All heavy atoms as atom14 arrays in JSON, in Angstrom:
{
  "sequence": "LHTCNVWHHGHFDALVWWQTEKDAASGATVFKEYSSRDAFLAGAPGL",
  "atom14_mask": [
    [1, 1, 1, 1, 1, 1, 1, 1, 0, 0, 0, 0, 0, 0],
    [1, 1, 1, 1, 1, 1, 1, 1, 1, 1, 0, 0, 0, 0],
    [1, 1, 1, 1, 1, 1, 1, 0, 0, 0, 0, 0, 0, 0],
    [1, 1, 1, 1, 1, 1, 0, 0, 0, 0, 0, 0, 0, 0],
    [1, 1, 1, 1, 1, 1, 1, 1, 0, 0, 0, 0, 0, 0],
    [1, 1, 1, 1, 1, 1, 1, 0, 0, 0, 0, 0, 0, 0],
    [1, 1, 1, 1, 1, 1, 1, 1, 1, 1, 1, 1, 1, 1],
    [1, 1, 1, 1, 1, 1, 1, 1, 1, 1, 0, 0, 0, 0],
    [1, 1, 1, 1, 1, 1, 1, 1, 1, 1, 0, 0, 0, 0],
    [1, 1, 1, 1, 0, 0, 0, 0, 0, 0, 0, 0, 0, 0],
    [1, 1, 1, 1, 1, 1, 1, 1, 1, 1, 0, 0, 0, 0],
    [1, 1, 1, 1, 1, 1, 1, 1, 1, 1, 1, 0, 0, 0],
    [1, 1, 1, 1, 1, 1, 1, 1, 0, 0, 0, 0, 0, 0],
    [1, 1, 1, 1, 1, 0, 0, 0, 0, 0, 0, 0, 0, 0],
    [1, 1, 1, 1, 1, 1, 1, 1, 0, 0, 0, 0, 0, 0],
    [1, 1, 1, 1, 1, 1, 1, 0, 0, 0, 0, 0, 0, 0],
    [1, 1, 1, 1, 1, 1, 1, 1, 1, 1, 1, 1, 1, 1],
    [1, 1, 1, 1, 1, 1, 1, 1, 1, 1, 1, 1, 1, 1],
    [1, 1, 1, 1, 1, 1, 1, 1, 1, 0, 0, 0, 0, 0],
    [1, 1, 1, 1, 1, 1, 1, 0, 0, 0, 0, 0, 0, 0],
    [1, 1, 1, 1, 1, 1, 1, 1, 1, 0, 0, 0, 0, 0],
    [1, 1, 1, 1, 1, 1, 1, 1, 1, 0, 0, 0, 0, 0],
    [1, 1, 1, 1, 1, 1, 1, 1, 0, 0, 0, 0, 0, 0],
    [1, 1, 1, 1, 1, 0, 0, 0, 0, 0, 0, 0, 0, 0],
    [1, 1, 1, 1, 1, 0, 0, 0, 0, 0, 0, 0, 0, 0],
    [1, 1, 1, 1, 1, 1, 0, 0, 0, 0, 0, 0, 0, 0],
    [1, 1, 1, 1, 0, 0, 0, 0, 0, 0, 0, 0, 0, 0],
    [1, 1, 1, 1, 1, 0, 0, 0, 0, 0, 0, 0, 0, 0],
    [1, 1, 1, 1, 1, 1, 1, 0, 0, 0, 0, 0, 0, 0],
    [1, 1, 1, 1, 1, 1, 1, 0, 0, 0, 0, 0, 0, 0],
    [1, 1, 1, 1, 1, 1, 1, 1, 1, 1, 1, 0, 0, 0],
    [1, 1, 1, 1, 1, 1, 1, 1, 1, 0, 0, 0, 0, 0],
    [1, 1, 1, 1, 1, 1, 1, 1, 1, 0, 0, 0, 0, 0],
    [1, 1, 1, 1, 1, 1, 1, 1, 1, 1, 1, 1, 0, 0],
    [1, 1, 1, 1, 1, 1, 0, 0, 0, 0, 0, 0, 0, 0],
    [1, 1, 1, 1, 1, 1, 0, 0, 0, 0, 0, 0, 0, 0],
    [1, 1, 1, 1, 1, 1, 1, 1, 1, 1, 1, 0, 0, 0],
    [1, 1, 1, 1, 1, 1, 1, 1, 0, 0, 0, 0, 0, 0],
    [1, 1, 1, 1, 1, 0, 0, 0, 0, 0, 0, 0, 0, 0],
    [1, 1, 1, 1, 1, 1, 1, 1, 1, 1, 1, 0, 0, 0],
    [1, 1, 1, 1, 1, 1, 1, 1, 0, 0, 0, 0, 0, 0],
    [1, 1, 1, 1, 1, 0, 0, 0, 0, 0, 0, 0, 0, 0],
    [1, 1, 1, 1, 0, 0, 0, 0, 0, 0, 0, 0, 0, 0],
    [1, 1, 1, 1, 1, 0, 0, 0, 0, 0, 0, 0, 0, 0],
    [1, 1, 1, 1, 1, 1, 1, 0, 0, 0, 0, 0, 0, 0],
    [1, 1, 1, 1, 0, 0, 0, 0, 0, 0, 0, 0, 0, 0],
    [1, 1, 1, 1, 1, 1, 1, 1, 0, 0, 0, 0, 0, 0]
  ],
  "atom14_positions": [
    [[-12.49, -10.86, -23.74], [-12.61, -12.26, -23.18], [-13.44, -12.24, -21.92], [-14.09, -13.23, -21.61], [-11.25, -12.81, -22.88], [-10.53, -13.26, -24.18], [-9.03, -13.42, -24.0], [-11.1, -14.65, -24.61], [0.0, 0.0, 0.0], [0.0, 0.0, 0.0], [0.0, 0.0, 0.0], [0.0, 0.0, 0.0], [0.0, 0.0, 0.0], [0.0, 0.0, 0.0]],
    [[-13.48, -11.14, -21.19], [-14.42, -11.05, -20.07], [-15.88, -11.17, -20.53], [-16.73, -11.5, -19.74], [-14.19, -9.71, -19.31], [-13.06, -9.71, -18.32], [-12.71, -10.88, -17.59], [-12.24, -8.73, -18.02], [-11.67, -10.45, -16.82], [-11.33, -9.27, -17.02], [0.0, 0.0, 0.0], [0.0, 0.0, 0.0], [0.0, 0.0, 0.0], [0.0, 0.0, 0.0]],
    [[-16.2, -10.77, -21.74], [-17.51, -10.87, -22.28], [-17.9, -12.28, -22.75], [-19.01, -12.58, -23.12], [-17.74, -9.88, -23.45], [-17.15, -10.44, -24.64], [-17.21, -8.51, -23.21], [0.0, 0.0, 0.0], [0.0, 0.0, 0.0], [0.0, 0.0, 0.0], [0.0, 0.0, 0.0], [0.0, 0.0, 0.0], [0.0, 0.0, 0.0], [0.0, 0.0, 0.0]],
    [[-16.88, -13.19, -22.63], [-17.1, -14.59, -22.98], [-16.84, -15.47, -21.77], [-16.37, -16.66, -21.96], [-16.16, -15.01, -24.13], [-16.35, -14.02, -25.61], [0.0, 0.0, 0.0], [0.0, 0.0, 0.0], [0.0, 0.0, 0.0], [0.0, 0.0, 0.0], [0.0, 0.0, 0.0], [0.0, 0.0, 0.0], [0.0, 0.0, 0.0], [0.0, 0.0, 0.0]],
    [[-17.1, -14.96, -20.61], [-17.02, -15.68, -19.42], [-15.62, -16.09, -18.87], [-15.43, -16.98, -18.01], [-17.8, -16.98, -19.48], [-17.98, -17.76, -18.14], [-18.53, -17.24, -17.24], [-17.51, -19.01, -18.11], [0.0, 0.0, 0.0], [0.0, 0.0, 0.0], [0.0, 0.0, 0.0], [0.0, 0.0, 0.0], [0.0, 0.0, 0.0], [0.0, 0.0, 0.0]],
    [[-14.57, -15.38, -19.33], [-13.19, -15.74, -18.9], [-12.78, -14.84, -17.78], [-12.96, -13.56, -17.85], [-12.19, -15.63, -20.07], [-10.81, -16.11, -19.7], [-12.68, -16.48, -21.28], [0.0, 0.0, 0.0], [0.0, 0.0, 0.0], [0.0, 0.0, 0.0], [0.0, 0.0, 0.0], [0.0, 0.0, 0.0], [0.0, 0.0, 0.0], [0.0, 0.0, 0.0]],
    [[-12.29, -15.37, -16.71], [-11.93, -14.71, -15.48], [-10.45, -14.37, -15.36], [-9.65, -14.9, -16.14], [-12.42, -15.53, -14.31], [-13.84, -15.62, -14.19], [-14.67, -16.34, -15.12], [-14.72, -15.07, -13.27], [-15.99, -16.22, -14.66], [-16.1, -15.46, -13.59], [-14.55, -14.29, -12.16], [-17.21, -15.06, -12.81], [-15.66, -13.94, -11.39], [-16.93, -14.34, -11.73]],
    [[-10.11, -13.52, -14.45], [-8.74, -13.31, -14.1], [-8.12, -14.6, -13.48], [-8.83, -15.52, -13.04], [-8.6, -12.19, -13.04], [-8.91, -10.87, -13.6], [-9.6, -9.86, -12.91], [-8.66, -10.26, -14.77], [-9.75, -8.85, -13.64], [-9.2, -8.94, -14.81], [0.0, 0.0, 0.0], [0.0, 0.0, 0.0], [0.0, 0.0, 0.0], [0.0, 0.0, 0.0]],
    [[-6.81, -14.55, -13.36], [-6.1, -15.78, -12.79], [-6.2, -15.8, -11.24], [-5.82, -16.86, -10.65], [-4.57, -15.68, -13.11], [-4.35, -16.07, -14.59], [-3.07, -16.25, -15.1], [-5.19, -16.39, -15.59], [-3.13, -16.64, -16.32], [-4.4, -16.69, -16.67], [0.0, 0.0, 0.0], [0.0, 0.0, 0.0], [0.0, 0.0, 0.0], [0.0, 0.0, 0.0]],
    [[-6.63, -14.76, -10.67], [-6.72, -14.71, -9.19], [-7.64, -13.62, -8.74], [-8.21, -12.88, -9.59], [0.0, 0.0, 0.0], [0.0, 0.0, 0.0], [0.0, 0.0, 0.0], [0.0, 0.0, 0.0], [0.0, 0.0, 0.0], [0.0, 0.0, 0.0], [0.0, 0.0, 0.0], [0.0, 0.0, 0.0], [0.0, 0.0, 0.0], [0.0, 0.0, 0.0]],
    [[-7.65, -13.47, -7.45], [-8.48, -12.44, -6.82], [-7.67, -11.13, -6.81], [-6.63, -11.0, -7.42], [-9.03, -12.89, -5.48], [-9.77, -14.14, -5.56], [-11.03, -14.33, -6.18], [-9.43, -15.44, -5.19], [-11.35, -15.59, -6.11], [-10.44, -16.27, -5.47], [0.0, 0.0, 0.0], [0.0, 0.0, 0.0], [0.0, 0.0, 0.0], [0.0, 0.0, 0.0]],
    [[-8.26, -10.16, -6.05], [-7.61, -8.83, -6.07], [-6.15, -8.78, -5.6], [-5.83, -9.43, -4.61], [-8.48, -7.85, -5.27], [-9.89, -7.66, -5.8], [-10.97, -8.26, -5.19], [-10.03, -6.94, -6.94], [-12.24, -8.09, -5.69], [-11.31, -6.7, -7.47], [-12.43, -7.35, -6.83], [0.0, 0.0, 0.0], [0.0, 0.0, 0.0], [0.0, 0.0, 0.0]],
    [[-5.29, -8.11, -6.31], [-4.04, -7.68, -5.71], [-4.24, -6.39, -5.02], [-5.4, -5.95, -4.78], [-3.07, -7.49, -6.87], [-2.73, -8.84, -7.55], [-2.68, -9.81, -6.85], [-2.47, -8.88, -8.79], [0.0, 0.0, 0.0], [0.0, 0.0, 0.0], [0.0, 0.0, 0.0], [0.0, 0.0, 0.0], [0.0, 0.0, 0.0], [0.0, 0.0, 0.0]],
    [[-3.23, -5.73, -4.58], [-3.36, -4.52, -3.72], [-2.69, -3.36, -4.33], [-1.65, -3.37, -4.91], [-2.72, -4.81, -2.36], [0.0, 0.0, 0.0], [0.0, 0.0, 0.0], [0.0, 0.0, 0.0], [0.0, 0.0, 0.0], [0.0, 0.0, 0.0], [0.0, 0.0, 0.0], [0.0, 0.0, 0.0], [0.0, 0.0, 0.0], [0.0, 0.0, 0.0]],
    [[-3.4, -2.16, -4.21], [-2.84, -0.87, -4.61], [-2.63, -0.06, -3.28], [-3.59, 0.2, -2.59], [-3.78, -0.14, -5.53], [-3.33, 1.15, -6.15], [-2.09, 0.91, -7.06], [-4.47, 1.81, -6.98], [0.0, 0.0, 0.0], [0.0, 0.0, 0.0], [0.0, 0.0, 0.0], [0.0, 0.0, 0.0], [0.0, 0.0, 0.0], [0.0, 0.0, 0.0]],
    [[-1.33, 0.19, -2.95], [-1.03, 0.8, -1.68], [-0.11, 2.05, -1.89], [0.23, 2.34, -3.04], [-0.31, -0.26, -0.78], [-1.1, -1.41, -0.44], [1.01, -0.66, -1.4], [0.0, 0.0, 0.0], [0.0, 0.0, 0.0], [0.0, 0.0, 0.0], [0.0, 0.0, 0.0], [0.0, 0.0, 0.0], [0.0, 0.0, 0.0], [0.0, 0.0, 0.0]],
    [[0.24, 2.68, -0.86], [1.1, 3.87, -0.87], [2.27, 3.6, 0.01], [2.13, 3.2, 1.2], [0.37, 5.11, -0.33], [1.21, 6.32, -0.36], [1.9, 6.92, 0.59], [1.48, 7.2, -1.56], [2.57, 8.03, 0.2], [2.33, 8.22, -1.1], [1.08, 7.13, -2.85], [2.74, 9.21, -1.99], [1.5, 8.11, -3.76], [2.37, 9.16, -3.3]],
    [[3.47, 3.65, -0.56], [4.71, 3.55, 0.22], [5.28, 4.88, 0.55], [5.36, 5.79, -0.35], [5.81, 2.75, -0.54], [5.54, 1.31, -0.55], [4.63, 0.53, 0.06], [6.44, 0.34, -1.2], [4.76, -0.81, -0.23], [5.94, -0.95, -0.91], [7.56, 0.45, -1.99], [6.42, -2.14, -1.51], [8.12, -0.72, -2.53], [7.58, -1.98, -2.25]],
    [[5.66, 5.08, 1.76], [6.25, 6.34, 2.2], [7.5, 6.02, 3.0], [7.6, 5.1, 3.79], [5.31, 7.06, 3.13], [5.71, 8.48, 3.44], [5.61, 9.48, 2.31], [4.79, 9.29, 1.47], [6.4, 10.53, 2.26], [0.0, 0.0, 0.0], [0.0, 0.0, 0.0], [0.0, 0.0, 0.0], [0.0, 0.0, 0.0], [0.0, 0.0, 0.0]],
    [[8.57, 6.74, 2.61], [9.88, 6.57, 3.38], [9.91, 7.54, 4.56], [9.53, 8.69, 4.48], [11.11, 6.92, 2.5], [10.89, 8.21, 1.91], [11.21, 5.83, 1.41], [0.0, 0.0, 0.0], [0.0, 0.0, 0.0], [0.0, 0.0, 0.0], [0.0, 0.0, 0.0], [0.0, 0.0, 0.0], [0.0, 0.0, 0.0], [0.0, 0.0, 0.0]],
    [[10.22, 6.97, 5.71], [10.24, 7.68, 6.98], [11.49, 7.39, 7.75], [12.17, 6.4, 7.49], [8.97, 7.34, 7.81], [7.72, 7.63, 7.07], [6.47, 7.22, 7.89], [6.59, 6.84, 9.04], [5.31, 7.22, 7.29], [0.0, 0.0, 0.0], [0.0, 0.0, 0.0], [0.0, 0.0, 0.0], [0.0, 0.0, 0.0], [0.0, 0.0, 0.0]],
    [[11.8, 8.18, 8.71], [12.95, 7.91, 9.6], [12.52, 7.22, 10.82], [11.56, 7.7, 11.56], [13.69, 9.24, 9.96], [14.88, 9.02, 10.9], [15.67, 10.33, 11.01], [16.4, 10.7, 9.8], [17.32, 11.81, 9.97], [0.0, 0.0, 0.0], [0.0, 0.0, 0.0], [0.0, 0.0, 0.0], [0.0, 0.0, 0.0], [0.0, 0.0, 0.0]],
    [[13.13, 6.07, 11.17], [12.76, 5.36, 12.37], [13.28, 6.08, 13.57], [14.37, 6.47, 13.69], [13.44, 3.93, 12.28], [13.07, 3.11, 13.48], [11.93, 2.65, 13.58], [13.98, 2.88, 14.36], [0.0, 0.0, 0.0], [0.0, 0.0, 0.0], [0.0, 0.0, 0.0], [0.0, 0.0, 0.0], [0.0, 0.0, 0.0], [0.0, 0.0, 0.0]],
    [[12.34, 6.31, 14.49], [12.67, 7.16, 15.68], [13.76, 6.51, 16.52], [14.58, 7.26, 17.14], [11.43, 7.31, 16.55], [0.0, 0.0, 0.0], [0.0, 0.0, 0.0], [0.0, 0.0, 0.0], [0.0, 0.0, 0.0], [0.0, 0.0, 0.0], [0.0, 0.0, 0.0], [0.0, 0.0, 0.0], [0.0, 0.0, 0.0], [0.0, 0.0, 0.0]],
    [[13.81, 5.17, 16.58], [14.74, 4.49, 17.49], [16.13, 4.39, 16.89], [17.14, 4.74, 17.48], [14.28, 3.11, 17.82], [0.0, 0.0, 0.0], [0.0, 0.0, 0.0], [0.0, 0.0, 0.0], [0.0, 0.0, 0.0], [0.0, 0.0, 0.0], [0.0, 0.0, 0.0], [0.0, 0.0, 0.0], [0.0, 0.0, 0.0], [0.0, 0.0, 0.0]],
    [[16.26, 3.96, 15.59], [17.55, 3.74, 14.96], [18.05, 4.85, 14.08], [19.26, 5.0, 13.78], [17.46, 2.47, 14.15], [16.58, 2.68, 13.03], [0.0, 0.0, 0.0], [0.0, 0.0, 0.0], [0.0, 0.0, 0.0], [0.0, 0.0, 0.0], [0.0, 0.0, 0.0], [0.0, 0.0, 0.0], [0.0, 0.0, 0.0], [0.0, 0.0, 0.0]],
    [[17.09, 5.76, 13.65], [17.46, 6.83, 12.72], [17.55, 6.43, 11.29], [17.9, 7.21, 10.44], [0.0, 0.0, 0.0], [0.0, 0.0, 0.0], [0.0, 0.0, 0.0], [0.0, 0.0, 0.0], [0.0, 0.0, 0.0], [0.0, 0.0, 0.0], [0.0, 0.0, 0.0], [0.0, 0.0, 0.0], [0.0, 0.0, 0.0], [0.0, 0.0, 0.0]],
    [[17.32, 5.11, 11.07], [17.44, 4.59, 9.61], [16.2, 4.96, 8.89], [15.15, 5.18, 9.45], [17.55, 3.12, 9.73], [0.0, 0.0, 0.0], [0.0, 0.0, 0.0], [0.0, 0.0, 0.0], [0.0, 0.0, 0.0], [0.0, 0.0, 0.0], [0.0, 0.0, 0.0], [0.0, 0.0, 0.0], [0.0, 0.0, 0.0], [0.0, 0.0, 0.0]],
    [[16.4, 5.03, 7.55], [15.22, 5.27, 6.71], [14.53, 3.93, 6.4], [15.14, 2.95, 6.01], [15.69, 5.91, 5.3], [16.46, 7.08, 5.64], [14.54, 6.17, 4.44], [0.0, 0.0, 0.0], [0.0, 0.0, 0.0], [0.0, 0.0, 0.0], [0.0, 0.0, 0.0], [0.0, 0.0, 0.0], [0.0, 0.0, 0.0], [0.0, 0.0, 0.0]],
    [[13.19, 3.98, 6.66], [12.38, 2.72, 6.6], [11.17, 2.97, 5.59], [10.87, 4.15, 5.27], [11.9, 2.27, 7.9], [13.1, 1.88, 8.76], [11.07, 3.29, 8.59], [0.0, 0.0, 0.0], [0.0, 0.0, 0.0], [0.0, 0.0, 0.0], [0.0, 0.0, 0.0], [0.0, 0.0, 0.0], [0.0, 0.0, 0.0], [0.0, 0.0, 0.0]],
    [[10.51, 1.95, 5.27], [9.34, 2.05, 4.44], [8.12, 1.81, 5.37], [8.06, 0.9, 6.12], [9.26, 0.92, 3.3], [10.24, 1.25, 2.17], [11.44, 0.66, 2.11], [9.77, 2.09, 1.17], [12.29, 0.93, 0.98], [10.59, 2.38, 0.09], [11.87, 1.78, 0.02], [0.0, 0.0, 0.0], [0.0, 0.0, 0.0], [0.0, 0.0, 0.0]],
    [[7.06, 2.69, 5.12], [5.8, 2.43, 5.79], [4.83, 2.21, 4.6], [4.82, 2.94, 3.63], [5.4, 3.65, 6.67], [6.08, 3.75, 7.94], [5.62, 2.66, 8.99], [6.14, 2.92, 10.34], [5.52, 4.15, 10.95], [0.0, 0.0, 0.0], [0.0, 0.0, 0.0], [0.0, 0.0, 0.0], [0.0, 0.0, 0.0], [0.0, 0.0, 0.0]],
    [[3.86, 1.31, 4.77], [2.91, 1.06, 3.8], [1.51, 1.41, 4.25], [1.1, 1.11, 5.36], [2.85, -0.47, 3.5], [1.91, -0.82, 2.31], [2.1, -2.38, 2.06], [3.08, -2.72, 1.3], [1.22, -3.13, 2.45], [0.0, 0.0, 0.0], [0.0, 0.0, 0.0], [0.0, 0.0, 0.0], [0.0, 0.0, 0.0], [0.0, 0.0, 0.0]],
    [[0.8, 2.19, 3.46], [-0.56, 2.72, 3.8], [-1.53, 2.21, 2.78], [-1.13, 1.97, 1.56], [-0.57, 4.25, 3.83], [0.38, 4.83, 4.87], [1.77, 4.98, 4.55], [-0.11, 5.22, 6.1], [2.62, 5.51, 5.53], [0.82, 5.74, 7.09], [2.06, 5.89, 6.78], [3.01, 6.44, 7.73], [0.0, 0.0, 0.0], [0.0, 0.0, 0.0]],
    [[-2.8, 2.21, 3.09], [-3.74, 1.71, 2.1], [-3.95, 2.63, 0.99], [-4.45, 2.25, -0.09], [-5.16, 1.51, 2.85], [-5.57, 2.72, 3.41], [0.0, 0.0, 0.0], [0.0, 0.0, 0.0], [0.0, 0.0, 0.0], [0.0, 0.0, 0.0], [0.0, 0.0, 0.0], [0.0, 0.0, 0.0], [0.0, 0.0, 0.0], [0.0, 0.0, 0.0]],
    [[-3.6, 3.89, 1.14], [-3.69, 4.9, 0.07], [-2.93, 6.14, 0.49], [-2.52, 6.28, 1.65], [-5.16, 5.29, -0.2], [-5.68, 5.99, 0.92], [0.0, 0.0, 0.0], [0.0, 0.0, 0.0], [0.0, 0.0, 0.0], [0.0, 0.0, 0.0], [0.0, 0.0, 0.0], [0.0, 0.0, 0.0], [0.0, 0.0, 0.0], [0.0, 0.0, 0.0]],
    [[-2.69, 7.02, -0.5], [-1.97, 8.28, -0.16], [-2.9, 9.16, 0.71], [-2.38, 9.79, 1.64], [-1.68, 9.13, -1.43], [-0.94, 10.41, -1.21], [-0.44, 11.0, -2.49], [0.34, 12.23, -2.29], [-0.15, 13.44, -2.23], [-1.49, 13.64, -2.35], [0.66, 14.52, -2.01], [0.0, 0.0, 0.0], [0.0, 0.0, 0.0], [0.0, 0.0, 0.0]],
    [[-4.18, 9.07, 0.52], [-5.14, 9.87, 1.43], [-4.99, 9.36, 2.88], [-5.08, 10.17, 3.81], [-6.54, 9.75, 0.93], [-6.76, 10.55, -0.33], [-5.95, 11.42, -0.62], [-7.76, 10.25, -0.99], [0.0, 0.0, 0.0], [0.0, 0.0, 0.0], [0.0, 0.0, 0.0], [0.0, 0.0, 0.0], [0.0, 0.0, 0.0], [0.0, 0.0, 0.0]],
    [[-4.86, 8.02, 3.06], [-4.74, 7.52, 4.43], [-3.48, 7.99, 5.07], [-3.36, 8.35, 6.27], [-4.78, 6.0, 4.35], [0.0, 0.0, 0.0], [0.0, 0.0, 0.0], [0.0, 0.0, 0.0], [0.0, 0.0, 0.0], [0.0, 0.0, 0.0], [0.0, 0.0, 0.0], [0.0, 0.0, 0.0], [0.0, 0.0, 0.0], [0.0, 0.0, 0.0]],
    [[-2.39, 8.11, 4.21], [-1.09, 8.63, 4.79], [-1.22, 10.08, 5.15], [-0.84, 10.45, 6.26], [-0.03, 8.49, 3.73], [1.14, 9.38, 3.96], [2.03, 9.09, 5.04], [1.37, 10.44, 3.07], [3.14, 9.89, 5.23], [2.55, 11.23, 3.29], [3.37, 11.02, 4.42], [0.0, 0.0, 0.0], [0.0, 0.0, 0.0], [0.0, 0.0, 0.0]],
    [[-1.86, 10.82, 4.34], [-2.06, 12.29, 4.61], [-2.98, 12.53, 5.8], [-2.83, 13.51, 6.54], [-2.61, 12.95, 3.41], [-1.67, 13.06, 2.18], [-2.37, 13.7, 0.96], [-0.35, 13.83, 2.5], [0.0, 0.0, 0.0], [0.0, 0.0, 0.0], [0.0, 0.0, 0.0], [0.0, 0.0, 0.0], [0.0, 0.0, 0.0], [0.0, 0.0, 0.0]],
    [[-3.9, 11.59, 6.02], [-4.78, 11.73, 7.18], [-4.21, 11.24, 8.45], [-4.87, 11.32, 9.51], [-6.12, 10.98, 6.89], [0.0, 0.0, 0.0], [0.0, 0.0, 0.0], [0.0, 0.0, 0.0], [0.0, 0.0, 0.0], [0.0, 0.0, 0.0], [0.0, 0.0, 0.0], [0.0, 0.0, 0.0], [0.0, 0.0, 0.0], [0.0, 0.0, 0.0]],
    [[-3.03, 10.72, 8.44], [-2.28, 10.3, 9.65], [-2.7, 8.95, 10.12], [-2.39, 8.62, 11.27], [0.0, 0.0, 0.0], [0.0, 0.0, 0.0], [0.0, 0.0, 0.0], [0.0, 0.0, 0.0], [0.0, 0.0, 0.0], [0.0, 0.0, 0.0], [0.0, 0.0, 0.0], [0.0, 0.0, 0.0], [0.0, 0.0, 0.0], [0.0, 0.0, 0.0]],
    [[-3.14, 8.06, 9.22], [-3.45, 6.72, 9.58], [-2.19, 5.98, 9.9], [-1.12, 6.25, 9.39], [-4.19, 6.08, 8.41], [0.0, 0.0, 0.0], [0.0, 0.0, 0.0], [0.0, 0.0, 0.0], [0.0, 0.0, 0.0], [0.0, 0.0, 0.0], [0.0, 0.0, 0.0], [0.0, 0.0, 0.0], [0.0, 0.0, 0.0], [0.0, 0.0, 0.0]],
    [[-2.25, 4.99, 10.77], [-1.03, 4.2, 11.12], [-0.64, 3.39, 9.95], [-1.4, 2.73, 9.27], [-1.49, 3.35, 12.27], [-2.98, 3.23, 12.15], [-3.4, 4.49, 11.6], [0.0, 0.0, 0.0], [0.0, 0.0, 0.0], [0.0, 0.0, 0.0], [0.0, 0.0, 0.0], [0.0, 0.0, 0.0], [0.0, 0.0, 0.0], [0.0, 0.0, 0.0]],
    [[0.72, 3.47, 9.59], [1.23, 2.63, 8.44], [1.84, 1.33, 8.93], [2.19, 1.13, 10.16], [0.0, 0.0, 0.0], [0.0, 0.0, 0.0], [0.0, 0.0, 0.0], [0.0, 0.0, 0.0], [0.0, 0.0, 0.0], [0.0, 0.0, 0.0], [0.0, 0.0, 0.0], [0.0, 0.0, 0.0], [0.0, 0.0, 0.0], [0.0, 0.0, 0.0]],
    [[1.93, 0.37, 8.01], [2.58, -0.89, 8.26], [4.03, -0.78, 7.94], [4.4, -0.46, 6.82], [1.92, -1.96, 7.5], [2.58, -3.38, 7.56], [2.44, -3.99, 8.97], [1.97, -4.3, 6.46], [0.0, 0.0, 0.0], [0.0, 0.0, 0.0], [0.0, 0.0, 0.0], [0.0, 0.0, 0.0], [0.0, 0.0, 0.0], [0.0, 0.0, 0.0]]
  ]
}
């Protein structure tokens, strides 16, 4: 259908990397989101 001019329903979704980490202040296990696994391994700041 892409060869007949039919498009997706929307624009890009996101492919990310979730990592579980321990929050330094509370000690609770939290989720950090990175743009990719490579970004996580490279020490990029996570959301």
